[in-house]
N, C-alpha and C. Protein backbone atom coordinates (compact mmCIF):
# COMPACT_ATOMS: atom_id res chain seq x y z
N UNK A 1 -5.31 -16.14 1.78
CA UNK A 1 -5.73 -14.40 0.74
C UNK A 1 -7.38 -14.13 1.41
N UNK A 2 -6.89 -12.78 1.47
CA UNK A 2 -8.58 -12.78 1.74
C UNK A 2 -8.26 -11.08 1.46
N UNK A 3 -9.56 -10.42 0.88
CA UNK A 3 -10.06 -9.07 0.40
C UNK A 3 -10.63 -8.76 0.98
N UNK A 4 -10.19 -7.62 1.67
CA UNK A 4 -11.46 -6.83 2.95
C UNK A 4 -11.58 -5.55 1.77
N UNK A 5 -12.76 -4.61 1.70
CA UNK A 5 -12.71 -3.30 1.19
C UNK A 5 -14.50 -3.07 1.91
N UNK A 6 -13.96 -1.33 2.03
CA UNK A 6 -15.27 -0.87 1.62
C UNK A 6 -16.07 -1.13 3.24
N UNK A 7 -15.19 -1.66 4.51
CA UNK A 7 -15.73 -1.93 5.85
C UNK A 7 -17.02 -3.24 5.62
N UNK A 8 -16.16 -3.93 4.89
CA UNK A 8 -16.52 -5.30 4.33
C UNK A 8 -17.82 -5.50 3.90
N UNK A 9 -18.13 -4.03 3.14
CA UNK A 9 -19.81 -3.83 2.78
C UNK A 9 -20.62 -3.88 4.00
N UNK A 10 -20.37 -2.71 4.98
CA UNK A 10 -21.38 -2.75 6.38
C UNK A 10 -20.70 -3.74 7.18
N UNK A 11 -19.93 -4.95 7.53
CA UNK A 11 -19.42 -5.74 8.24
C UNK A 11 -18.72 -5.63 9.57
N UNK A 12 -17.94 -4.59 8.90
CA UNK A 12 -16.80 -3.67 9.63
C UNK A 12 -15.80 -4.86 9.50
N UNK A 13 -14.76 -3.87 9.21
CA UNK A 13 -13.31 -5.26 8.95
C UNK A 13 -12.45 -5.32 9.33
N UNK A 14 -13.29 -4.62 10.32
CA UNK A 14 -12.12 -5.50 12.12
C UNK A 14 -12.27 -6.36 12.58
N UNK A 15 -13.92 -6.56 12.04
CA UNK A 15 -14.49 -8.12 12.92
C UNK A 15 -14.76 -8.79 11.85
N UNK A 16 -14.19 -8.92 10.75
CA UNK A 16 -14.28 -9.49 9.25
C UNK A 16 -12.92 -10.71 9.20
N UNK A 17 -11.83 -9.27 9.77
CA UNK A 17 -10.74 -9.96 10.39
C UNK A 17 -9.92 -10.92 11.03
N UNK A 18 -11.27 -10.62 12.21
CA UNK A 18 -11.09 -11.83 13.29
C UNK A 18 -11.62 -12.87 12.64
N UNK A 19 -12.63 -13.15 12.03
CA UNK A 19 -13.18 -14.38 11.86
C UNK A 19 -12.88 -14.81 10.99
N UNK A 20 -11.62 -14.24 9.58
CA UNK A 20 -10.97 -15.08 8.78
C UNK A 20 -9.71 -15.37 9.64
N UNK A 21 -9.12 -14.70 10.69
CA UNK A 21 -7.91 -14.75 11.21
C UNK A 21 -8.32 -16.69 11.89
N UNK A 22 -8.95 -16.39 12.25
CA UNK A 22 -9.94 -17.97 12.98
C UNK A 22 -9.98 -19.32 12.03
N UNK A 23 -9.91 -18.88 11.01
CA UNK A 23 -10.15 -19.69 10.42
C UNK A 23 -9.15 -19.91 9.04
N UNK A 24 -7.45 -19.36 9.89
CA UNK A 24 -6.83 -19.71 9.20
C UNK A 24 -5.94 -19.00 8.57
N UNK A 25 -6.71 -17.66 7.89
CA UNK A 25 -6.34 -16.98 6.72
C UNK A 25 -5.23 -16.05 7.53
N UNK A 26 -4.17 -15.64 6.94
CA UNK A 26 -2.90 -15.16 6.89
C UNK A 26 -2.49 -14.33 6.63
N UNK A 27 -3.24 -13.54 5.10
CA UNK A 27 -2.52 -12.64 4.60
C UNK A 27 -4.07 -11.49 4.09
N UNK A 28 -3.64 -10.63 3.92
CA UNK A 28 -5.02 -9.34 3.75
C UNK A 28 -4.48 -8.35 3.00
N UNK A 29 -5.66 -8.30 2.51
CA UNK A 29 -5.49 -6.92 1.20
C UNK A 29 -6.15 -6.34 1.62
N UNK A 30 -6.39 -5.44 1.25
CA UNK A 30 -7.57 -4.06 1.43
C UNK A 30 -7.17 -3.12 0.39
N UNK A 31 -8.51 -2.26 -0.15
CA UNK A 31 -8.39 -1.70 -1.03
C UNK A 31 -7.16 0.10 -0.66
N UNK A 32 -7.53 0.72 0.18
CA UNK A 32 -6.90 1.74 0.60
C UNK A 32 -6.04 1.07 1.33
N UNK A 33 -5.13 2.77 2.06
CA UNK A 33 -3.70 2.45 2.61
C UNK A 33 -3.82 2.32 4.51
N UNK A 34 -5.43 3.59 4.29
CA UNK A 34 -5.50 3.98 5.31
C UNK A 34 -6.67 2.62 6.33
N UNK A 35 -7.09 2.10 5.48
CA UNK A 35 -7.57 0.59 6.28
C UNK A 35 -6.69 -0.53 6.49
N UNK A 36 -5.49 -0.40 5.59
CA UNK A 36 -4.09 -1.11 6.64
C UNK A 36 -3.51 -0.65 7.43
N UNK A 37 -3.97 0.32 7.51
CA UNK A 37 -2.77 1.34 8.46
C UNK A 37 -3.72 0.98 9.88
N UNK A 38 -4.99 1.12 9.96
CA UNK A 38 -5.84 1.45 11.21
C UNK A 38 -5.86 -0.64 11.71
N UNK A 39 -5.64 -1.67 10.39
CA UNK A 39 -5.78 -2.83 10.66
C UNK A 39 -4.79 -2.97 11.52
N UNK A 40 -3.45 -2.84 11.12
CA UNK A 40 -2.06 -2.67 11.77
C UNK A 40 -2.61 -2.61 13.13
N UNK A 41 -2.82 -1.90 13.26
CA UNK A 41 -2.82 -0.44 14.74
C UNK A 41 -3.11 -1.49 15.53
N UNK A 42 -4.81 -1.82 15.26
CA UNK A 42 -5.59 -2.85 16.00
C UNK A 42 -4.94 -4.47 16.31
N UNK A 43 -4.12 -4.68 15.33
CA UNK A 43 -3.63 -6.06 15.82
C UNK A 43 -2.53 -6.74 16.56
């Protein structure tokens, strides 16, 4: 489980999610609904 918020402090929320997925993480939590929707669309 990972928590990603605020554009991952400038690293990019999408980029961080991809790295975490490659390392085996399958559950992600975000602070804003808008972030969740955007990540789901790009998945």
